[in-house]
């Protein structure tokens, strides 16, 4: 199991605060076909091992595992457009 350094965890929590919106880039979970690239959700929190817990718009609440899966904060993208 990968455990991020305290400074990396702090940065991850600053980048993905509760309430921000994200778009899934990749999730390595063949048992969740509804969670594919492009799925949208709202961050609930980032836990102590760096998993970004997301309430997905499709109804799932599966976390984005740091170092395994990938998502992008989309409310920041919109702010720069």
PDB file of N, CA and C in Angstrom:
ATOM      1  N   UNK A   1       0.837  -1.170   0.000  1.00  0.00           N
ATOM      2  CA  UNK A   1       0.000   0.000   0.000  1.00  0.00           C
ATOM      3  C   UNK A   1       0.888   1.241   0.000  1.00  0.00           C
ATOM      4  N   UNK A   2       0.547   2.189  -0.859  1.00  0.00           N
ATOM      5  CA  UNK A   2       1.280   3.444  -0.952  1.00  0.00           C
ATOM      6  C   UNK A   2       0.703   4.442   0.041  1.00  0.00           C
ATOM      7  N   UNK A   3       1.569   5.008   0.892  1.00  0.00           N
ATOM      8  CA  UNK A   3       1.123   6.038   1.824  1.00  0.00           C
ATOM      9  C   UNK A   3       1.885   7.313   1.482  1.00  0.00           C
ATOM     10  N   UNK A   4       1.153   8.382   1.121  1.00  0.00           N
ATOM     11  CA  UNK A   4       1.834   9.617   0.738  1.00  0.00           C
ATOM     12  C   UNK A   4       2.512  10.286   1.925  1.00  0.00           C
ATOM     13  N   UNK A   5       3.556  11.050   1.623  1.00  0.00           N
ATOM     14  CA  UNK A   5       4.244  11.846   2.639  1.00  0.00           C
ATOM     15  C   UNK A   5       3.272  12.905   3.160  1.00  0.00           C
ATOM     16  N   UNK A   6       3.450  13.361   4.393  1.00  0.00           N
ATOM     17  CA  UNK A   6       2.536  14.362   4.955  1.00  0.00           C
ATOM     18  C   UNK A   6       2.379  15.604   4.079  1.00  0.00           C
ATOM     19  N   UNK A   7       3.461  16.076   3.485  1.00  0.00           N
ATOM     20  CA  UNK A   7       3.360  17.274   2.644  1.00  0.00           C
ATOM     21  C   UNK A   7       2.585  16.997   1.354  1.00  0.00           C
ATOM     22  N   UNK A   8       2.702  15.765   0.821  1.00  0.00           N
ATOM     23  CA  UNK A   8       1.937  15.395  -0.376  1.00  0.00           C
ATOM     24  C   UNK A   8       0.455  15.263  -0.042  1.00  0.00           C
ATOM     25  N   UNK A   9       0.161  14.707   1.127  1.00  0.00           N
ATOM     26  CA  UNK A   9      -1.224  14.563   1.568  1.00  0.00           C
ATOM     27  C   UNK A   9      -1.861  15.941   1.776  1.00  0.00           C
ATOM     28  N   UNK A  10      -1.121  16.846   2.366  1.00  0.00           N
ATOM     29  CA  UNK A  10      -1.611  18.216   2.572  1.00  0.00           C
ATOM     30  C   UNK A  10      -1.931  18.875   1.228  1.00  0.00           C
ATOM     31  N   UNK A  11      -1.029  18.729   0.257  1.00  0.00           N
ATOM     32  CA  UNK A  11      -1.238  19.304  -1.073  1.00  0.00           C
ATOM     33  C   UNK A  11      -2.451  18.684  -1.758  1.00  0.00           C
ATOM     34  N   UNK A  12      -2.627  17.378  -1.617  1.00  0.00           N
ATOM     35  CA  UNK A  12      -3.767  16.685  -2.215  1.00  0.00           C
ATOM     36  C   UNK A  12      -5.077  17.199  -1.615  1.00  0.00           C
ATOM     37  N   UNK A  13      -5.102  17.400  -0.292  1.00  0.00           N
ATOM     38  CA  UNK A  13      -6.299  17.919   0.366  1.00  0.00           C
ATOM     39  C   UNK A  13      -6.583  19.360  -0.033  1.00  0.00           C
ATOM     40  N   UNK A  14      -5.543  20.129  -0.295  1.00  0.00           N
ATOM     41  CA  UNK A  14      -5.741  21.510  -0.763  1.00  0.00           C
ATOM     42  C   UNK A  14      -6.248  21.534  -2.203  1.00  0.00           C
ATOM     43  N   UNK A  15      -5.764  20.608  -3.008  1.00  0.00           N
ATOM     44  CA  UNK A  15      -6.175  20.539  -4.415  1.00  0.00           C
ATOM     45  C   UNK A  15      -7.597  20.017  -4.565  1.00  0.00           C
ATOM     46  N   UNK A  16      -8.013  19.106  -3.672  1.00  0.00           N
ATOM     47  CA  UNK A  16      -9.336  18.480  -3.759  1.00  0.00           C
ATOM     48  C   UNK A  16     -10.116  18.676  -2.454  1.00  0.00           C
ATOM     49  N   UNK A  17     -10.516  19.917  -2.154  1.00  0.00           N
ATOM     50  CA  UNK A  17     -11.283  20.145  -0.922  1.00  0.00           C
ATOM     51  C   UNK A  17     -12.711  19.611  -1.055  1.00  0.00           C
ATOM     52  N   UNK A  18     -13.337  19.328   0.073  1.00  0.00           N
ATOM     53  CA  UNK A  18     -14.736  18.877   0.066  1.00  0.00           C
ATOM     54  C   UNK A  18     -15.586  19.889  -0.694  1.00  0.00           C
ATOM     55  N   UNK A  19     -16.453  19.357  -1.555  1.00  0.00           N
ATOM     56  CA  UNK A  19     -17.368  20.195  -2.315  1.00  0.00           C
ATOM     57  C   UNK A  19     -16.904  20.535  -3.718  1.00  0.00           C
ATOM     58  N   UNK A  20     -15.611  20.321  -4.028  1.00  0.00           N
ATOM     59  CA  UNK A  20     -15.169  20.638  -5.389  1.00  0.00           C
ATOM     60  C   UNK A  20     -15.652  19.540  -6.347  1.00  0.00           C
ATOM     61  N   UNK A  21     -15.759  19.909  -7.610  1.00  0.00           N
ATOM     62  CA  UNK A  21     -16.223  18.979  -8.644  1.00  0.00           C
ATOM     63  C   UNK A  21     -15.040  18.373  -9.369  1.00  0.00           C
ATOM     64  N   UNK A  22     -15.174  17.079  -9.715  1.00  0.00           N
ATOM     65  CA  UNK A  22     -14.116  16.359 -10.421  1.00  0.00           C
ATOM     66  C   UNK A  22     -14.682  15.570 -11.600  1.00  0.00           C
ATOM     67  N   UNK A  23     -13.784  15.294 -12.553  1.00  0.00           N
ATOM     68  CA  UNK A  23     -14.085  14.425 -13.693  1.00  0.00           C
ATOM     69  C   UNK A  23     -13.116  13.249 -13.611  1.00  0.00           C
ATOM     70  N   UNK A  24     -13.639  12.049 -13.753  1.00  0.00           N
ATOM     71  CA  UNK A  24     -12.810  10.846 -13.715  1.00  0.00           C
ATOM     72  C   UNK A  24     -12.018  10.714 -15.009  1.00  0.00           C
ATOM     73  N   UNK A  25     -10.716  10.502 -14.876  1.00  0.00           N
ATOM     74  CA  UNK A  25      -9.860  10.248 -16.035  1.00  0.00           C
ATOM     75  C   UNK A  25      -9.676   8.752 -16.249  1.00  0.00           C
ATOM     76  N   UNK A  26      -9.474   8.042 -15.126  1.00  0.00           N
ATOM     77  CA  UNK A  26      -9.223   6.597 -15.196  1.00  0.00           C
ATOM     78  C   UNK A  26      -9.512   5.972 -13.832  1.00  0.00           C
ATOM     79  N   UNK A  27     -10.178   4.830 -13.847  1.00  0.00           N
ATOM     80  CA  UNK A  27     -10.362   4.066 -12.618  1.00  0.00           C
ATOM     81  C   UNK A  27     -10.084   2.607 -12.937  1.00  0.00           C
ATOM     82  N   UNK A  28      -9.245   2.003 -12.145  1.00  0.00           N
ATOM     83  CA  UNK A  28      -8.847   0.623 -12.363  1.00  0.00           C
ATOM     84  C   UNK A  28      -9.769  -0.301 -11.574  1.00  0.00           C
ATOM     85  N   UNK A  29     -11.050  -0.365 -11.971  1.00  0.00           N
ATOM     86  CA  UNK A  29     -12.023  -1.217 -11.282  1.00  0.00           C
ATOM     87  C   UNK A  29     -12.998  -1.807 -12.296  1.00  0.00           C
ATOM     88  N   UNK A  30     -12.765  -3.060 -12.722  1.00  0.00           N
ATOM     89  CA  UNK A  30     -13.629  -3.664 -13.734  1.00  0.00           C
ATOM     90  C   UNK A  30     -15.041  -3.970 -13.228  1.00  0.00           C
ATOM     91  N   UNK A  31     -15.265  -3.863 -11.918  1.00  0.00           N
ATOM     92  CA  UNK A  31     -16.580  -4.182 -11.357  1.00  0.00           C
ATOM     93  C   UNK A  31     -17.488  -2.972 -11.251  1.00  0.00           C
ATOM     94  N   UNK A  32     -17.037  -1.829 -11.691  1.00  0.00           N
ATOM     95  CA  UNK A  32     -17.832  -0.598 -11.672  1.00  0.00           C
ATOM     96  C   UNK A  32     -17.927  -0.032 -13.081  1.00  0.00           C
ATOM     97  N   UNK A  33     -18.694  -0.671 -13.965  1.00  0.00           N
ATOM     98  CA  UNK A  33     -18.756  -0.207 -15.357  1.00  0.00           C
ATOM     99  C   UNK A  33     -19.361   1.188 -15.507  1.00  0.00           C
ATOM    100  N   UNK A  34     -20.154   1.627 -14.534  1.00  0.00           N
ATOM    101  CA  UNK A  34     -20.747   2.966 -14.625  1.00  0.00           C
ATOM    102  C   UNK A  34     -19.712   4.068 -14.370  1.00  0.00           C
ATOM    103  N   UNK A  35     -18.584   3.693 -13.779  1.00  0.00           N
ATOM    104  CA  UNK A  35     -17.530   4.668 -13.526  1.00  0.00           C
ATOM    105  C   UNK A  35     -16.459   4.542 -14.598  1.00  0.00           C
ATOM    106  N   UNK A  36     -16.643   5.299 -15.663  1.00  0.00           N
ATOM    107  CA  UNK A  36     -15.672   5.303 -16.746  1.00  0.00           C
ATOM    108  C   UNK A  36     -15.203   6.733 -16.967  1.00  0.00           C
ATOM    109  N   UNK A  37     -14.198   6.891 -17.765  1.00  0.00           N
ATOM    110  CA  UNK A  37     -13.644   8.216 -18.044  1.00  0.00           C
ATOM    111  C   UNK A  37     -14.761   9.185 -18.408  1.00  0.00           C
ATOM    112  N   UNK A  38     -14.728  10.346 -17.786  1.00  0.00           N
ATOM    113  CA  UNK A  38     -15.731  11.372 -18.049  1.00  0.00           C
ATOM    114  C   UNK A  38     -16.794  11.472 -16.973  1.00  0.00           C
ATOM    115  N   UNK A  39     -16.897  10.467 -16.091  1.00  0.00           N
ATOM    116  CA  UNK A  39     -17.886  10.518 -15.003  1.00  0.00           C
ATOM    117  C   UNK A  39     -17.600  11.741 -14.128  1.00  0.00           C
ATOM    118  N   UNK A  40     -18.673  12.381 -13.655  1.00  0.00           N
ATOM    119  CA  UNK A  40     -18.557  13.584 -12.831  1.00  0.00           C
ATOM    120  C   UNK A  40     -19.004  13.309 -11.408  1.00  0.00           C
ATOM    121  N   UNK A  41     -18.405  14.034 -10.460  1.00  0.00           N
ATOM    122  CA  UNK A  41     -18.789  13.863  -9.067  1.00  0.00           C
ATOM    123  C   UNK A  41     -18.318  15.015  -8.205  1.00  0.00           C
ATOM    124  N   UNK A  42     -18.684  14.934  -6.920  1.00  0.00           N
ATOM    125  CA  UNK A  42     -18.342  15.943  -5.928  1.00  0.00           C
ATOM    126  C   UNK A  42     -17.489  15.303  -4.837  1.00  0.00           C
ATOM    127  N   UNK A  43     -16.355  15.932  -4.522  1.00  0.00           N
ATOM    128  CA  UNK A  43     -15.455  15.406  -3.507  1.00  0.00           C
ATOM    129  C   UNK A  43     -16.104  15.522  -2.129  1.00  0.00           C
ATOM    130  N   UNK A  44     -16.043  14.420  -1.366  1.00  0.00           N
ATOM    131  CA  UNK A  44     -16.527  14.416   0.016  1.00  0.00           C
ATOM    132  C   UNK A  44     -15.376  14.697   0.972  1.00  0.00           C
ATOM    133  N   UNK A  45     -14.226  14.026   0.764  1.00  0.00           N
ATOM    134  CA  UNK A  45     -13.022  14.261   1.559  1.00  0.00           C
ATOM    135  C   UNK A  45     -11.861  13.441   1.005  1.00  0.00           C
ATOM    136  N   UNK A  46     -10.666  13.753   1.489  1.00  0.00           N
ATOM    137  CA  UNK A  46      -9.467  12.980   1.172  1.00  0.00           C
ATOM    138  C   UNK A  46      -9.019  12.327   2.473  1.00  0.00           C
ATOM    139  N   UNK A  47      -8.872  11.001   2.464  1.00  0.00           N
ATOM    140  CA  UNK A  47      -8.511  10.297   3.705  1.00  0.00           C
ATOM    141  C   UNK A  47      -7.006  10.290   3.946  1.00  0.00           C
ATOM    142  N   UNK A  48      -6.582   9.620   4.998  1.00  0.00           N
ATOM    143  CA  UNK A  48      -5.183   9.641   5.426  1.00  0.00           C
ATOM    144  C   UNK A  48      -4.223   8.883   4.519  1.00  0.00           C
ATOM    145  N   UNK A  49      -4.736   8.096   3.574  1.00  0.00           N
ATOM    146  CA  UNK A  49      -3.842   7.435   2.614  1.00  0.00           C
ATOM    147  C   UNK A  49      -3.965   8.063   1.229  1.00  0.00           C
ATOM    148  N   UNK A  50      -4.670   9.192   1.136  1.00  0.00           N
ATOM    149  CA  UNK A  50      -4.750   9.935  -0.114  1.00  0.00           C
ATOM    150  C   UNK A  50      -5.875   9.528  -1.041  1.00  0.00           C
ATOM    151  N   UNK A  51      -6.786   8.686  -0.590  1.00  0.00           N
ATOM    152  CA  UNK A  51      -7.935   8.332  -1.420  1.00  0.00           C
ATOM    153  C   UNK A  51      -8.895   9.514  -1.443  1.00  0.00           C
ATOM    154  N   UNK A  52      -9.297   9.920  -2.648  1.00  0.00           N
ATOM    155  CA  UNK A  52     -10.250  11.014  -2.812  1.00  0.00           C
ATOM    156  C   UNK A  52     -11.637  10.391  -2.847  1.00  0.00           C
ATOM    157  N   UNK A  53     -12.401  10.605  -1.792  1.00  0.00           N
ATOM    158  CA  UNK A  53     -13.749  10.036  -1.717  1.00  0.00           C
ATOM    159  C   UNK A  53     -14.716  10.968  -2.438  1.00  0.00           C
ATOM    160  N   UNK A  54     -15.423  10.379  -3.425  1.00  0.00           N
ATOM    161  CA  UNK A  54     -16.260  11.167  -4.325  1.00  0.00           C
ATOM    162  C   UNK A  54     -17.680  10.630  -4.317  1.00  0.00           C
ATOM    163  N   UNK A  55     -18.627  11.542  -4.288  1.00  0.00           N
ATOM    164  CA  UNK A  55     -20.027  11.200  -4.504  1.00  0.00           C
ATOM    165  C   UNK A  55     -20.279  11.408  -6.000  1.00  0.00           C
ATOM    166  N   UNK A  56     -20.263  10.300  -6.743  1.00  0.00           N
ATOM    167  CA  UNK A  56     -20.404  10.375  -8.200  1.00  0.00           C
ATOM    168  C   UNK A  56     -21.851  10.659  -8.582  1.00  0.00           C
ATOM    169  N   UNK A  57     -22.044  11.407  -9.641  1.00  0.00           N
ATOM    170  CA  UNK A  57     -23.385  11.761 -10.107  1.00  0.00           C
ATOM    171  C   UNK A  57     -24.206  10.527 -10.488  1.00  0.00           C
ATOM    172  N   UNK A  58     -23.542   9.418 -10.819  1.00  0.00           N
ATOM    173  CA  UNK A  58     -24.236   8.186 -11.209  1.00  0.00           C
ATOM    174  C   UNK A  58     -24.764   7.416  -9.990  1.00  0.00           C
ATOM    175  N   UNK A  59     -24.438   7.905  -8.762  1.00  0.00           N
ATOM    176  CA  UNK A  59     -24.935   7.252  -7.558  1.00  0.00           C
ATOM    177  C   UNK A  59     -23.889   6.481  -6.775  1.00  0.00           C
ATOM    178  N   UNK A  60     -22.746   6.238  -7.363  1.00  0.00           N
ATOM    179  CA  UNK A  60     -21.672   5.518  -6.672  1.00  0.00           C
ATOM    180  C   UNK A  60     -20.936   6.471  -5.732  1.00  0.00           C
ATOM    181  N   UNK A  61     -20.243   5.897  -4.759  1.00  0.00           N
ATOM    182  CA  UNK A  61     -19.402   6.716  -3.876  1.00  0.00           C
ATOM    183  C   UNK A  61     -18.012   6.094  -3.749  1.00  0.00           C
ATOM    184  N   UNK A  62     -17.561   5.474  -4.813  1.00  0.00           N
ATOM    185  CA  UNK A  62     -16.257   4.827  -4.824  1.00  0.00           C
ATOM    186  C   UNK A  62     -15.149   5.873  -4.848  1.00  0.00           C
ATOM    187  N   UNK A  63     -14.096   5.647  -4.057  1.00  0.00           N
ATOM    188  CA  UNK A  63     -12.988   6.587  -3.974  1.00  0.00           C
ATOM    189  C   UNK A  63     -11.996   6.442  -5.116  1.00  0.00           C
ATOM    190  N   UNK A  64     -11.325   7.548  -5.410  1.00  0.00           N
ATOM    191  CA  UNK A  64     -10.258   7.586  -6.400  1.00  0.00           C
ATOM    192  C   UNK A  64      -8.958   7.310  -5.641  1.00  0.00           C
ATOM    193  N   UNK A  65      -8.341   6.166  -5.897  1.00  0.00           N
ATOM    194  CA  UNK A  65      -7.169   5.723  -5.152  1.00  0.00           C
ATOM    195  C   UNK A  65      -5.922   6.433  -5.678  1.00  0.00           C
ATOM    196  N   UNK A  66      -5.244   7.138  -4.765  1.00  0.00           N
ATOM    197  CA  UNK A  66      -4.036   7.879  -5.111  1.00  0.00           C
ATOM    198  C   UNK A  66      -2.983   6.937  -5.692  1.00  0.00           C
ATOM    199  N   UNK A  67      -2.459   7.285  -6.863  1.00  0.00           N
ATOM    200  CA  UNK A  67      -1.427   6.480  -7.506  1.00  0.00           C
ATOM    201  C   UNK A  67      -1.943   5.355  -8.377  1.00  0.00           C
ATOM    202  N   UNK A  68      -3.242   5.063  -8.295  1.00  0.00           N
ATOM    203  CA  UNK A  68      -3.833   3.977  -9.083  1.00  0.00           C
ATOM    204  C   UNK A  68      -4.875   4.515 -10.069  1.00  0.00           C
ATOM    205  N   UNK A  69      -5.730   5.403  -9.593  1.00  0.00           N
ATOM    206  CA  UNK A  69      -6.789   5.999 -10.398  1.00  0.00           C
ATOM    207  C   UNK A  69      -6.450   7.467 -10.637  1.00  0.00           C
ATOM    208  N   UNK A  70      -7.266   8.145 -11.435  1.00  0.00           N
ATOM    209  CA  UNK A  70      -6.971   9.540 -11.749  1.00  0.00           C
ATOM    210  C   UNK A  70      -8.258  10.332 -11.966  1.00  0.00           C
ATOM    211  N   UNK A  71      -8.274  11.551 -11.415  1.00  0.00           N
ATOM    212  CA  UNK A  71      -9.378  12.463 -11.672  1.00  0.00           C
ATOM    213  C   UNK A  71      -8.819  13.877 -11.802  1.00  0.00           C
ATOM    214  N   UNK A  72      -9.626  14.777 -12.345  1.00  0.00           N
ATOM    215  CA  UNK A  72      -9.239  16.166 -12.549  1.00  0.00           C
ATOM    216  C   UNK A  72     -10.282  17.061 -11.921  1.00  0.00           C
ATOM    217  N   UNK A  73      -9.835  18.060 -11.202  1.00  0.00           N
ATOM    218  CA  UNK A  73     -10.754  19.034 -10.619  1.00  0.00           C
ATOM    219  C   UNK A  73     -11.276  19.917 -11.743  1.00  0.00           C
ATOM    220  N   UNK A  74     -12.593  19.949 -11.937  1.00  0.00           N
ATOM    221  CA  UNK A  74     -13.142  20.674 -13.076  1.00  0.00           C
ATOM    222  C   UNK A  74     -13.604  22.078 -12.734  1.00  0.00           C
ATOM    223  N   UNK A  75     -13.867  22.383 -11.460  1.00  0.00           N
ATOM    224  CA  UNK A  75     -14.263  23.751 -11.157  1.00  0.00           C
ATOM    225  C   UNK A  75     -13.081  24.700 -11.323  1.00  0.00           C
ATOM    226  N   UNK A  76     -11.851  24.206 -11.168  1.00  0.00           N
ATOM    227  CA  UNK A  76     -10.668  25.028 -11.443  1.00  0.00           C
ATOM    228  C   UNK A  76     -10.507  25.266 -12.935  1.00  0.00           C
ATOM    229  N   UNK A  77     -10.787  24.239 -13.753  1.00  0.00           N
ATOM    230  CA  UNK A  77     -10.709  24.395 -15.210  1.00  0.00           C
ATOM    231  C   UNK A  77     -11.661  25.486 -15.661  1.00  0.00           C
ATOM    232  N   UNK A  78     -12.898  25.457 -15.141  1.00  0.00           N
ATOM    233  CA  UNK A  78     -13.904  26.436 -15.525  1.00  0.00           C
ATOM    234  C   UNK A  78     -13.499  27.845 -15.127  1.00  0.00           C
ATOM    235  N   UNK A  79     -12.796  27.992 -14.009  1.00  0.00           N
ATOM    236  CA  UNK A  79     -12.389  29.306 -13.528  1.00  0.00           C
ATOM    237  C   UNK A  79     -11.349  29.940 -14.449  1.00  0.00           C
ATOM    238  N   UNK A  80     -10.604  29.098 -15.185  1.00  0.00           N
ATOM    239  CA  UNK A  80      -9.551  29.616 -16.070  1.00  0.00           C
ATOM    240  C   UNK A  80     -10.032  29.832 -17.494  1.00  0.00           C
ATOM    241  N   UNK A  81     -11.230  29.422 -17.814  1.00  0.00           N
ATOM    242  CA  UNK A  81     -11.751  29.567 -19.194  1.00  0.00           C
ATOM    243  C   UNK A  81     -12.241  30.977 -19.455  1.00  0.00           C
TER     244      UNK A  81
END
